[in-house]
Each structure stands twice: as C-alpha cells, then as structure tokens.
N, C-alpha and C. Protein backbone atom coordinates (compact mmCIF):
# COMPACT_ATOMS: atom_id res chain seq x y z
N MET A 1 -174.64 28.02 -104.62
CA MET A 1 -174.61 27.62 -103.08
C MET A 1 -175.35 27.03 -102.69
N LYS A 2 -176.12 26.35 -103.38
CA LYS A 2 -177.09 25.00 -102.77
C LYS A 2 -175.67 23.76 -102.78
N LYS A 3 -175.28 23.41 -104.17
CA LYS A 3 -174.20 22.64 -104.27
C LYS A 3 -173.30 22.56 -102.72
N VAL A 4 -172.77 24.01 -102.94
CA VAL A 4 -171.36 24.13 -101.85
C VAL A 4 -171.89 23.50 -100.10
N LEU A 5 -173.72 24.12 -99.96
CA LEU A 5 -174.27 23.77 -99.28
C LEU A 5 -174.19 21.98 -98.71
N LEU A 6 -174.40 21.56 -99.45
CA LEU A 6 -174.76 20.40 -99.87
C LEU A 6 -174.11 19.33 -99.81
N PHE A 7 -172.78 20.00 -100.52
CA PHE A 7 -171.28 19.19 -100.65
C PHE A 7 -170.61 19.28 -98.78
N THR A 8 -170.68 20.22 -98.59
CA THR A 8 -170.21 20.74 -96.64
C THR A 8 -171.28 19.38 -96.00
N PHE A 9 -172.45 20.06 -96.18
CA PHE A 9 -173.37 18.74 -95.19
C PHE A 9 -173.04 17.34 -95.00
N THR A 10 -172.52 17.18 -96.46
CA THR A 10 -172.21 15.72 -96.45
C THR A 10 -170.87 15.47 -96.31
N VAL A 11 -169.68 16.25 -96.03
CA VAL A 11 -168.51 15.99 -95.66
C VAL A 11 -168.87 15.86 -94.30
N LEU A 12 -169.62 16.94 -93.59
CA LEU A 12 -169.54 16.74 -92.08
C LEU A 12 -170.24 15.68 -91.76
N VAL A 13 -171.40 14.91 -92.29
CA VAL A 13 -172.30 14.07 -91.95
C VAL A 13 -170.42 12.63 -92.04
N CYS A 14 -170.34 12.25 -93.15
CA CYS A 14 -169.55 11.36 -93.10
C CYS A 14 -168.63 11.42 -92.71
N SER A 15 -167.62 12.37 -91.99
CA SER A 15 -166.51 12.86 -91.37
C SER A 15 -166.98 12.40 -89.27
N ASN A 16 -168.29 12.90 -89.29
CA ASN A 16 -169.04 12.28 -88.48
C ASN A 16 -169.36 11.13 -87.89
N ILE A 17 -169.70 10.32 -88.94
CA ILE A 17 -169.84 9.22 -89.08
C ILE A 17 -168.51 8.01 -88.90
N PHE A 18 -167.22 8.29 -89.39
CA PHE A 18 -166.50 7.78 -89.66
C PHE A 18 -165.83 7.93 -88.14
N ALA A 19 -166.37 9.10 -87.20
CA ALA A 19 -165.42 9.64 -86.16
C ALA A 19 -165.99 8.78 -85.13
N GLN A 20 -167.02 8.39 -85.47
CA GLN A 20 -167.75 7.11 -84.28
C GLN A 20 -167.19 5.89 -84.62
N THR A 21 -166.89 5.29 -83.21
CA THR A 21 -166.14 4.50 -83.90
C THR A 21 -166.93 3.13 -82.84
N VAL A 22 -167.11 2.14 -83.15
CA VAL A 22 -168.09 0.84 -81.89
C VAL A 22 -167.11 0.78 -81.23
N GLN A 23 -167.42 0.83 -80.61
CA GLN A 23 -166.54 -0.18 -79.00
C GLN A 23 -167.02 -1.35 -78.87
N LYS A 24 -166.41 -2.69 -78.40
CA LYS A 24 -166.73 -3.79 -77.85
C LYS A 24 -166.71 -3.77 -76.77
N THR A 25 -167.30 -3.93 -75.55
CA THR A 25 -167.17 -4.41 -74.25
C THR A 25 -167.95 -6.12 -74.04
N GLY A 26 -166.92 -6.07 -73.35
CA GLY A 26 -167.41 -7.70 -72.33
C GLY A 26 -167.62 -7.89 -71.42
N TYR A 27 -167.70 -9.13 -70.76
CA TYR A 27 -167.74 -8.98 -69.08
C TYR A 27 -167.09 -10.55 -69.29
N VAL A 28 -166.72 -10.95 -67.69
CA VAL A 28 -166.58 -12.29 -67.37
C VAL A 28 -167.26 -12.36 -66.05
N ASP A 29 -167.03 -13.82 -65.54
CA ASP A 29 -167.67 -13.87 -64.23
C ASP A 29 -166.59 -14.77 -63.66
N SER A 30 -165.77 -14.05 -63.05
CA SER A 30 -164.63 -14.59 -62.34
C SER A 30 -164.71 -15.39 -61.19
N GLN A 31 -166.36 -15.13 -60.64
CA GLN A 31 -166.51 -16.57 -59.81
C GLN A 31 -166.30 -17.91 -60.55
N VAL A 32 -167.07 -17.83 -61.98
CA VAL A 32 -167.00 -19.00 -62.60
C VAL A 32 -165.77 -19.38 -62.83
N ILE A 33 -164.62 -18.81 -63.22
CA ILE A 33 -163.68 -19.29 -63.66
C ILE A 33 -162.71 -19.38 -62.46
N LEU A 34 -162.68 -18.92 -61.13
CA LEU A 34 -162.29 -20.17 -60.02
C LEU A 34 -162.60 -20.89 -59.72
N ALA A 35 -163.83 -21.18 -60.78
CA ALA A 35 -164.64 -22.40 -60.15
C ALA A 35 -164.72 -23.37 -60.88
N GLN A 36 -164.21 -23.24 -61.75
CA GLN A 36 -163.88 -24.00 -63.54
C GLN A 36 -162.41 -24.19 -63.47
N TYR A 37 -161.94 -23.50 -63.21
CA TYR A 37 -160.07 -23.51 -63.70
C TYR A 37 -159.55 -24.79 -63.00
N ALA A 38 -158.76 -25.23 -63.43
CA ALA A 38 -157.87 -26.65 -62.58
C ALA A 38 -157.28 -26.11 -61.66
N PRO A 39 -156.27 -25.02 -61.91
CA PRO A 39 -155.30 -24.51 -61.19
C PRO A 39 -155.87 -23.80 -60.00
N ALA A 40 -156.77 -23.05 -60.24
CA ALA A 40 -157.11 -22.07 -59.29
C ALA A 40 -157.88 -22.99 -58.51
N ILE A 41 -158.56 -24.26 -58.54
CA ILE A 41 -159.49 -25.51 -57.82
C ILE A 41 -158.00 -25.78 -57.09
N LYS A 42 -157.08 -26.34 -57.52
CA LYS A 42 -156.11 -27.02 -56.50
C LYS A 42 -155.57 -26.21 -55.56
N ALA A 43 -155.26 -24.58 -56.02
CA ALA A 43 -154.53 -23.55 -55.20
C ALA A 43 -155.44 -23.46 -54.51
N GLN A 44 -157.15 -23.44 -54.20
CA GLN A 44 -157.77 -23.70 -52.90
C GLN A 44 -158.21 -24.58 -52.34
N SER A 45 -158.15 -25.27 -52.68
CA SER A 45 -157.52 -26.72 -52.04
C SER A 45 -156.19 -26.71 -51.31
N ASP A 46 -155.26 -26.25 -51.85
CA ASP A 46 -154.25 -26.38 -50.91
C ASP A 46 -154.21 -25.07 -49.76
N LEU A 47 -154.79 -24.32 -49.92
CA LEU A 47 -155.12 -22.90 -49.23
C LEU A 47 -156.24 -23.73 -47.97
N ASP A 48 -157.22 -24.26 -48.75
CA ASP A 48 -158.49 -24.87 -47.26
C ASP A 48 -157.13 -25.68 -46.18
N ALA A 49 -156.45 -26.57 -47.04
CA ALA A 49 -155.74 -27.74 -46.49
C ALA A 49 -155.20 -27.16 -45.31
N ILE A 50 -154.48 -26.19 -45.53
CA ILE A 50 -153.64 -25.49 -44.63
C ILE A 50 -154.26 -24.59 -43.76
N ALA A 51 -155.31 -24.10 -44.13
CA ALA A 51 -156.44 -23.10 -43.32
C ALA A 51 -156.76 -24.62 -42.05
N SER A 52 -157.54 -25.50 -42.68
CA SER A 52 -157.99 -26.62 -41.80
C SER A 52 -156.77 -26.97 -40.66
N LYS A 53 -155.50 -27.63 -41.11
CA LYS A 53 -154.87 -27.82 -40.05
C LYS A 53 -154.09 -26.47 -39.05
N TRP A 54 -154.43 -25.46 -39.15
CA TRP A 54 -154.29 -24.22 -37.92
C TRP A 54 -155.55 -23.98 -37.83
N THR A 55 -156.40 -24.21 -38.24
CA THR A 55 -157.75 -24.48 -37.53
C THR A 55 -157.84 -25.19 -36.06
N ALA A 56 -157.90 -26.37 -36.31
CA ALA A 56 -157.24 -27.92 -36.12
C ALA A 56 -156.57 -27.53 -34.54
N GLN A 57 -155.36 -26.38 -35.27
CA GLN A 57 -154.55 -26.46 -34.12
C GLN A 57 -154.80 -25.49 -32.83
N ARG A 58 -155.66 -24.46 -33.67
CA ARG A 58 -156.19 -23.38 -32.55
C ARG A 58 -157.20 -23.97 -31.78
N ASP A 59 -158.17 -24.98 -32.49
CA ASP A 59 -159.16 -25.55 -31.62
C ASP A 59 -158.49 -26.55 -30.59
N SER A 60 -157.59 -27.22 -30.33
CA SER A 60 -156.63 -27.93 -30.21
C SER A 60 -156.07 -27.27 -28.70
N MET A 61 -155.71 -25.93 -28.95
CA MET A 61 -155.38 -25.04 -28.13
C MET A 61 -156.42 -24.22 -26.88
N LEU A 62 -157.59 -23.95 -27.91
CA LEU A 62 -158.61 -23.22 -27.11
C LEU A 62 -159.00 -24.70 -25.97
N ALA A 63 -159.05 -25.96 -26.60
CA ALA A 63 -159.78 -26.89 -25.67
C ALA A 63 -158.55 -27.26 -24.34
N THR A 64 -157.51 -27.26 -24.89
CA THR A 64 -156.75 -27.60 -23.41
C THR A 64 -156.63 -26.42 -22.43
N LEU A 65 -157.20 -24.93 -23.08
CA LEU A 65 -157.41 -23.99 -22.22
C LEU A 65 -158.42 -23.95 -21.22
N GLN A 66 -159.61 -24.44 -21.57
CA GLN A 66 -160.99 -24.78 -21.66
C GLN A 66 -161.06 -26.07 -20.34
N THR A 67 -159.72 -26.77 -20.85
CA THR A 67 -160.04 -27.61 -19.78
C THR A 67 -159.16 -26.88 -18.82
N ALA A 68 -158.09 -26.82 -18.36
CA ALA A 68 -157.49 -25.79 -17.83
C ALA A 68 -158.02 -24.81 -16.59
N TYR A 69 -159.23 -24.00 -17.84
CA TYR A 69 -160.22 -23.48 -16.90
C TYR A 69 -160.66 -24.14 -15.70
N GLN A 70 -161.23 -25.12 -16.23
CA GLN A 70 -162.46 -26.18 -15.40
C GLN A 70 -161.72 -27.03 -14.48
N ALA A 71 -160.14 -27.11 -14.23
CA ALA A 71 -159.28 -27.76 -13.42
C ALA A 71 -158.94 -26.47 -12.38
N TYR A 72 -158.67 -25.17 -12.89
CA TYR A 72 -158.28 -24.19 -12.34
C TYR A 72 -159.99 -24.39 -11.10
N GLY A 73 -160.96 -23.96 -12.19
CA GLY A 73 -162.10 -23.76 -11.29
C GLY A 73 -162.50 -24.77 -10.10
N THR A 74 -162.23 -25.71 -10.33
CA THR A 74 -162.51 -27.16 -9.34
C THR A 74 -161.53 -27.03 -8.10
N GLN A 75 -160.19 -26.56 -8.45
CA GLN A 75 -158.89 -26.72 -7.49
C GLN A 75 -159.08 -25.62 -6.80
N LYS A 76 -159.78 -24.36 -6.56
CA LYS A 76 -159.24 -23.27 -6.68
C LYS A 76 -159.07 -22.87 -4.89
N ALA A 77 -160.07 -23.65 -4.82
CA ALA A 77 -160.32 -23.10 -3.14
C ALA A 77 -159.46 -24.11 -2.38
N MET A 78 -158.98 -24.94 -2.89
CA MET A 78 -157.58 -25.95 -2.41
C MET A 78 -156.13 -25.26 -2.60
N MET A 79 -156.42 -24.28 -3.39
CA MET A 79 -155.06 -23.38 -3.82
C MET A 79 -154.59 -22.36 -2.57
N THR A 80 -153.21 -21.91 -2.72
CA THR A 80 -153.18 -21.48 -1.60
C THR A 80 -153.10 -19.93 -2.24
N PRO A 81 -152.30 -18.63 -2.10
CA PRO A 81 -153.28 -17.70 -2.81
C PRO A 81 -151.65 -17.67 -3.71
N GLU A 82 -150.83 -18.03 -3.24
CA GLU A 82 -149.74 -17.85 -4.37
C GLU A 82 -150.04 -18.61 -5.63
N LYS A 83 -150.14 -19.93 -5.05
CA LYS A 83 -150.36 -21.08 -6.35
C LYS A 83 -151.69 -20.55 -7.47
N GLN A 84 -152.26 -20.00 -6.93
CA GLN A 84 -154.29 -19.23 -7.20
C GLN A 84 -153.07 -17.75 -8.85
N ARG A 85 -152.58 -17.10 -8.37
CA ARG A 85 -151.79 -16.44 -8.92
C ARG A 85 -151.15 -16.68 -9.89
N GLU A 86 -150.29 -17.74 -9.68
CA GLU A 86 -149.59 -18.84 -10.25
C GLU A 86 -150.33 -19.12 -11.54
N THR A 87 -151.36 -20.27 -11.14
CA THR A 87 -152.26 -20.59 -12.06
C THR A 87 -152.87 -19.62 -13.08
N GLU A 88 -153.61 -18.38 -12.40
CA GLU A 88 -153.51 -17.56 -13.10
C GLU A 88 -153.03 -17.09 -14.29
N GLN A 89 -151.84 -16.80 -13.95
CA GLN A 89 -150.83 -16.38 -15.18
C GLN A 89 -150.94 -17.05 -15.98
N GLN A 90 -150.33 -18.63 -15.83
CA GLN A 90 -150.64 -19.25 -16.37
C GLN A 90 -152.04 -19.52 -17.68
N LEU A 91 -152.99 -19.26 -16.81
CA LEU A 91 -154.19 -19.09 -18.25
C LEU A 91 -154.42 -17.95 -18.92
N VAL A 92 -153.84 -16.87 -18.28
CA VAL A 92 -153.77 -15.36 -19.64
C VAL A 92 -152.42 -15.88 -20.40
N THR A 93 -151.49 -16.58 -20.15
CA THR A 93 -150.21 -16.66 -21.12
C THR A 93 -151.25 -17.92 -22.21
N GLN A 94 -151.72 -18.61 -22.24
CA GLN A 94 -152.00 -19.25 -22.63
C GLN A 94 -152.94 -19.06 -23.38
N GLN A 95 -153.87 -18.19 -22.73
CA GLN A 95 -154.81 -17.14 -23.82
C GLN A 95 -154.11 -16.18 -24.49
N GLN A 96 -153.06 -15.44 -24.23
CA GLN A 96 -152.58 -14.70 -25.37
C GLN A 96 -151.78 -15.44 -26.52
N ASN A 97 -151.27 -16.66 -26.28
CA ASN A 97 -150.52 -17.34 -26.77
C ASN A 97 -151.17 -17.94 -28.29
N ILE A 98 -153.05 -18.14 -27.51
CA ILE A 98 -153.84 -18.59 -28.85
C ILE A 98 -154.11 -16.60 -29.71
N GLN A 99 -154.25 -15.93 -28.87
CA GLN A 99 -154.54 -15.14 -29.38
C GLN A 99 -153.31 -14.52 -31.02
N LYS A 100 -152.08 -14.70 -30.19
CA LYS A 100 -151.01 -14.43 -30.93
C LYS A 100 -151.15 -15.74 -32.08
N PHE A 101 -151.67 -16.98 -31.83
CA PHE A 101 -151.55 -17.73 -32.90
C PHE A 101 -152.53 -17.37 -33.86
N GLU A 102 -153.37 -16.95 -33.29
CA GLU A 102 -154.65 -16.52 -34.67
C GLU A 102 -153.99 -15.34 -35.25
N SER A 103 -153.73 -14.76 -34.60
CA SER A 103 -153.23 -13.33 -35.42
C SER A 103 -151.41 -13.61 -36.57
N GLU A 104 -151.31 -14.41 -36.16
CA GLU A 104 -149.87 -14.97 -37.00
C GLU A 104 -150.11 -15.77 -37.84
N LYS A 105 -151.76 -16.83 -38.09
CA LYS A 105 -151.99 -17.32 -39.35
C LYS A 105 -153.07 -16.82 -39.85
N PHE A 106 -154.04 -16.13 -39.01
CA PHE A 106 -155.71 -15.80 -39.81
C PHE A 106 -155.65 -14.38 -39.94
N ALA A 107 -155.03 -13.80 -39.37
CA ALA A 107 -155.42 -12.20 -39.65
C ALA A 107 -154.74 -11.23 -40.65
N GLN A 108 -155.52 -10.17 -41.22
CA GLN A 108 -155.82 -10.27 -42.88
C GLN A 108 -155.15 -8.34 -42.63
N PRO A 109 -154.07 -7.84 -43.74
CA PRO A 109 -153.55 -8.68 -44.24
C PRO A 109 -152.13 -9.27 -44.55
N ASN A 110 -151.64 -9.27 -43.30
CA ASN A 110 -150.58 -9.69 -42.58
C ASN A 110 -150.66 -11.02 -41.76
N GLY A 111 -151.31 -11.66 -41.96
CA GLY A 111 -151.53 -13.30 -41.62
C GLY A 111 -151.32 -14.32 -42.20
N GLU A 112 -150.42 -15.47 -42.20
CA GLU A 112 -149.49 -16.08 -43.07
C GLU A 112 -150.73 -17.11 -44.12
N LEU A 113 -152.06 -17.35 -43.58
CA LEU A 113 -153.25 -17.48 -44.23
C LEU A 113 -153.14 -16.47 -45.74
N TYR A 114 -153.23 -15.60 -45.56
CA TYR A 114 -153.50 -14.44 -45.81
C TYR A 114 -152.48 -14.15 -47.37
N ARG A 115 -150.97 -14.60 -46.76
CA ARG A 115 -149.52 -14.54 -47.65
C ARG A 115 -149.60 -16.02 -48.33
N LYS A 116 -150.07 -16.98 -48.14
CA LYS A 116 -150.33 -17.95 -48.74
C LYS A 116 -150.79 -17.98 -49.81
N ASN A 117 -152.52 -17.51 -49.67
CA ASN A 117 -153.29 -17.28 -50.78
C ASN A 117 -152.83 -16.23 -51.73
N GLU A 118 -151.59 -15.41 -51.51
CA GLU A 118 -151.25 -14.42 -52.80
C GLU A 118 -150.63 -15.42 -53.17
N GLN A 119 -149.25 -16.16 -52.55
CA GLN A 119 -148.55 -17.22 -53.04
C GLN A 119 -148.83 -18.38 -54.11
N PHE A 120 -150.36 -18.64 -53.68
CA PHE A 120 -150.92 -19.56 -54.62
C PHE A 120 -151.41 -18.94 -55.97
N LEU A 121 -152.16 -18.20 -55.68
CA LEU A 121 -153.54 -17.28 -56.37
C LEU A 121 -152.38 -15.97 -57.80
N ALA A 122 -151.40 -15.98 -57.54
CA ALA A 122 -150.80 -15.33 -58.17
C ALA A 122 -150.34 -15.59 -59.23
N PRO A 123 -149.66 -16.85 -59.72
CA PRO A 123 -149.72 -17.22 -60.95
C PRO A 123 -151.11 -17.52 -61.74
N VAL A 124 -151.94 -18.62 -60.86
CA VAL A 124 -153.20 -18.50 -61.54
C VAL A 124 -154.10 -17.65 -62.11
N LYS A 125 -153.52 -15.77 -61.00
CA LYS A 125 -154.53 -14.86 -61.72
C LYS A 125 -153.90 -14.26 -62.75
N GLN A 126 -152.63 -14.37 -62.76
CA GLN A 126 -151.42 -14.08 -63.90
C GLN A 126 -152.06 -14.62 -65.46
N LYS A 127 -152.15 -15.74 -65.11
CA LYS A 127 -153.03 -16.57 -66.42
C LYS A 127 -154.13 -16.12 -66.77
N ILE A 128 -155.01 -16.37 -65.79
CA ILE A 128 -156.40 -15.59 -66.14
C ILE A 128 -156.59 -14.37 -66.71
N MET A 129 -155.74 -13.56 -66.74
CA MET A 129 -155.59 -12.31 -67.05
C MET A 129 -154.88 -12.25 -68.27
N GLU A 130 -153.89 -13.14 -68.78
CA GLU A 130 -153.80 -13.39 -70.32
C GLU A 130 -154.61 -13.67 -70.87
N ALA A 131 -155.26 -14.82 -70.33
CA ALA A 131 -155.94 -15.46 -71.19
C ALA A 131 -157.18 -14.61 -71.93
N ILE A 132 -157.66 -13.70 -70.64
CA ILE A 132 -158.45 -12.45 -70.88
C ILE A 132 -158.44 -11.19 -72.05
N ALA A 133 -157.26 -11.24 -71.81
CA ALA A 133 -156.25 -10.53 -72.65
C ALA A 133 -156.32 -10.82 -74.23
N ALA A 134 -156.09 -12.20 -74.55
CA ALA A 134 -155.83 -13.11 -75.67
C ALA A 134 -157.29 -12.87 -76.23
N VAL A 135 -158.46 -13.13 -75.45
CA VAL A 135 -159.48 -13.45 -76.00
C VAL A 135 -160.34 -12.05 -76.40
N SER A 136 -159.98 -11.02 -75.51
CA SER A 136 -160.58 -10.05 -75.54
C SER A 136 -159.95 -8.82 -76.83
N LYS A 137 -159.03 -9.54 -77.59
CA LYS A 137 -158.28 -9.52 -78.25
C LYS A 137 -158.19 -9.99 -79.73
N THR A 138 -158.87 -11.32 -79.56
CA THR A 138 -159.42 -11.70 -80.79
C THR A 138 -160.52 -11.26 -81.10
N GLU A 139 -161.74 -11.02 -79.93
CA GLU A 139 -162.92 -10.67 -79.99
C GLU A 139 -163.43 -9.21 -80.80
N GLY A 140 -162.04 -8.05 -80.52
CA GLY A 140 -162.21 -7.26 -80.86
C GLY A 140 -163.32 -5.82 -79.15
N MET A 141 -162.61 -6.40 -78.60
CA MET A 141 -162.92 -5.64 -76.96
C MET A 141 -162.25 -4.67 -76.79
N GLN A 142 -162.76 -3.68 -76.33
CA GLN A 142 -162.01 -2.53 -75.33
C GLN A 142 -161.76 -2.31 -74.15
N PHE A 143 -163.14 -2.95 -73.77
CA PHE A 143 -163.20 -3.11 -71.99
C PHE A 143 -163.77 -4.26 -71.72
N VAL A 144 -163.26 -4.84 -70.83
CA VAL A 144 -163.86 -6.40 -70.11
C VAL A 144 -164.19 -6.14 -68.52
N PHE A 145 -165.27 -6.38 -67.79
CA PHE A 145 -165.78 -6.14 -66.56
C PHE A 145 -165.64 -7.75 -66.09
N ASP A 146 -165.62 -7.30 -65.06
CA ASP A 146 -165.80 -8.55 -64.34
C ASP A 146 -167.31 -8.30 -63.52
N LYS A 147 -167.90 -9.34 -63.65
CA LYS A 147 -169.28 -9.61 -63.12
C LYS A 147 -169.71 -9.88 -61.53
N THR A 148 -168.49 -10.19 -61.12
CA THR A 148 -168.48 -10.09 -59.84
C THR A 148 -167.47 -9.18 -58.71
N GLY A 149 -166.56 -8.19 -59.55
CA GLY A 149 -166.34 -7.90 -58.91
C GLY A 149 -166.65 -6.30 -58.25
N ASP A 150 -165.81 -5.46 -58.16
CA ASP A 150 -166.06 -4.17 -57.03
C ASP A 150 -167.14 -3.53 -58.10
N VAL A 151 -166.74 -3.53 -59.66
CA VAL A 151 -167.49 -2.75 -60.44
C VAL A 151 -168.62 -3.41 -60.97
N ILE A 152 -170.15 -2.21 -60.70
CA ILE A 152 -171.49 -2.88 -60.63
C ILE A 152 -171.76 -2.85 -62.06
N LEU A 153 -171.99 -3.97 -62.33
CA LEU A 153 -172.83 -4.28 -63.91
C LEU A 153 -174.18 -4.32 -63.81
N LEU A 154 -174.53 -3.38 -63.97
CA LEU A 154 -176.13 -3.51 -64.03
C LEU A 154 -176.98 -4.01 -64.97
N TYR A 155 -176.65 -4.58 -66.11
CA TYR A 155 -177.09 -5.17 -67.35
C TYR A 155 -175.86 -5.66 -68.39
N ALA A 156 -176.40 -6.79 -68.79
CA ALA A 156 -175.05 -7.37 -69.99
C ALA A 156 -175.75 -8.48 -70.33
N ASP A 157 -175.85 -8.12 -72.00
CA ASP A 157 -176.53 -9.11 -72.70
C ASP A 157 -175.43 -10.25 -72.66
N ASP A 158 -175.88 -11.14 -72.80
CA ASP A 158 -175.61 -12.50 -72.50
C ASP A 158 -174.08 -12.71 -74.13
N GLN A 159 -174.24 -11.85 -75.09
CA GLN A 159 -173.70 -12.13 -75.85
C GLN A 159 -172.41 -11.39 -75.96
N PHE A 160 -171.65 -10.56 -74.84
CA PHE A 160 -170.61 -10.20 -74.78
C PHE A 160 -169.96 -11.02 -73.63
N ASP A 161 -170.31 -11.77 -73.56
CA ASP A 161 -170.21 -12.83 -71.84
C ASP A 161 -168.79 -13.58 -72.54
N ILE A 162 -167.67 -13.13 -72.02
CA ILE A 162 -166.74 -14.19 -72.69
C ILE A 162 -165.84 -15.07 -71.27
N THR A 163 -166.34 -15.05 -70.35
CA THR A 163 -166.38 -16.05 -69.35
C THR A 163 -165.79 -17.40 -70.29
N PHE A 164 -166.59 -18.34 -70.56
CA PHE A 164 -166.24 -19.65 -71.12
C PHE A 164 -165.26 -19.63 -72.26
N LYS A 165 -165.59 -18.34 -73.08
CA LYS A 165 -164.32 -18.26 -73.91
C LYS A 165 -162.53 -18.13 -73.03
N VAL A 166 -163.21 -17.52 -72.48
CA VAL A 166 -161.37 -17.31 -71.34
C VAL A 166 -161.54 -18.57 -71.20
N LEU A 167 -162.13 -19.37 -70.27
CA LEU A 167 -161.65 -20.93 -69.60
C LEU A 167 -161.58 -21.64 -70.90
N ASP A 168 -162.34 -21.74 -71.87
CA ASP A 168 -161.13 -22.61 -73.13
C ASP A 168 -159.93 -22.04 -73.22
N LYS A 169 -159.44 -20.70 -73.02
CA LYS A 169 -158.33 -20.40 -73.31
C LYS A 169 -156.94 -21.44 -72.45
N LEU A 170 -157.87 -21.22 -71.35
CA LEU A 170 -157.09 -21.51 -70.29
C LEU A 170 -156.60 -23.05 -70.12
N LYS A 171 -157.93 -23.50 -70.35
CA LYS A 171 -157.93 -25.12 -70.42
C LYS A 171 -157.14 -25.89 -71.74
N THR A 172 -157.41 -24.93 -72.55
CA THR A 172 -156.43 -25.49 -74.02
C THR A 172 -155.21 -24.84 -73.43
N GLY A 173 -154.65 -24.09 -73.45
CA GLY A 173 -153.89 -23.42 -73.28
C GLY A 173 -153.28 -22.81 -74.80
N LYS A 174 -154.36 -22.69 -75.99
CA LYS A 174 -154.19 -22.14 -76.69
C LYS A 174 -154.82 -20.60 -77.51
C-alpha cells in the first residue's frame, strides 16, 4: 500500500512539474525605438516640416485677420452703416476660413496631418512589429509589453528589456 501511495504521489508531483511551463516575458520602450530608429526619425522630421508649413500658413492668415480688424477699428467711424456690415461680414468670413483651415489640417482623427502621420509611420510601425516578433521568437518570449503604452508596467527587471535587441534587429536588418 505504501508503495502504491508513494508511486501515486511521485506521478502527481512529476506531472505537476511538467505541466508548469516557464513563460518568458519581455518589454520594449517604444519611445526609445522611435527616437533612435532612422526611418522613424525621418518620418517624424517630414511630419514636422509639413506641420511647420501649415502652422506658418495659419499664422499668416491670423496676422492678416488681425490687421484687418485693426484697420476696421480705425476706419469704422468714417464708414457708412452698409460698408460697416460688409466689412464685418468679410472679417467673419476670414475667421471662418481660418477655422476651416485649422480643422482640415490639424483636427484629429480627420485632419490631414493625422492622416499623413498614419501614412508615414505605418511602414515604420510594421517594421518595428516584425523586429519585435523576431527578437521575441529568438529569445523564447511569449509576451512583450510596451513600457510606454497604455499597459501599465509597474516593475520590469532589466534582463527582460529587449528594446535594444529590437533596435539592433531594425538597424542591421538581420
């Protein structure tokens, strides 16, 4: 009887040990990757150039509107009521055009800058995801978290940080 109990106990312990598999988890810091990966830097630079151009256009439109308001303020007393209404309508139209421009260019998620961001960064994100998958497979990791994403990572041992391995994979292309 003792032998049967000992045998059963041994079988249960061994099966429990084999049933428990070690799962490796890693994390990346996507901010570091985006800051150091050349195609991401280029895409961000291109986006910044577009945003700067549109911001300068908007600022020019605002300066023109402000000048028109000042001119209207100084000339209002000498204008006929009809001319005042006409000038006020032109100022309102200018203001609406500026708002429309801002909405078309900068609104999220429908603004052109948002769409350009998606267009420029989509191939970069795809490459990064492929590199993360390759490094994860090589390292035998089942889970990889983004340290800077919406998932909160309260603690991470540096031995599981694969950020620089992913960067190396992206830079070498291997």
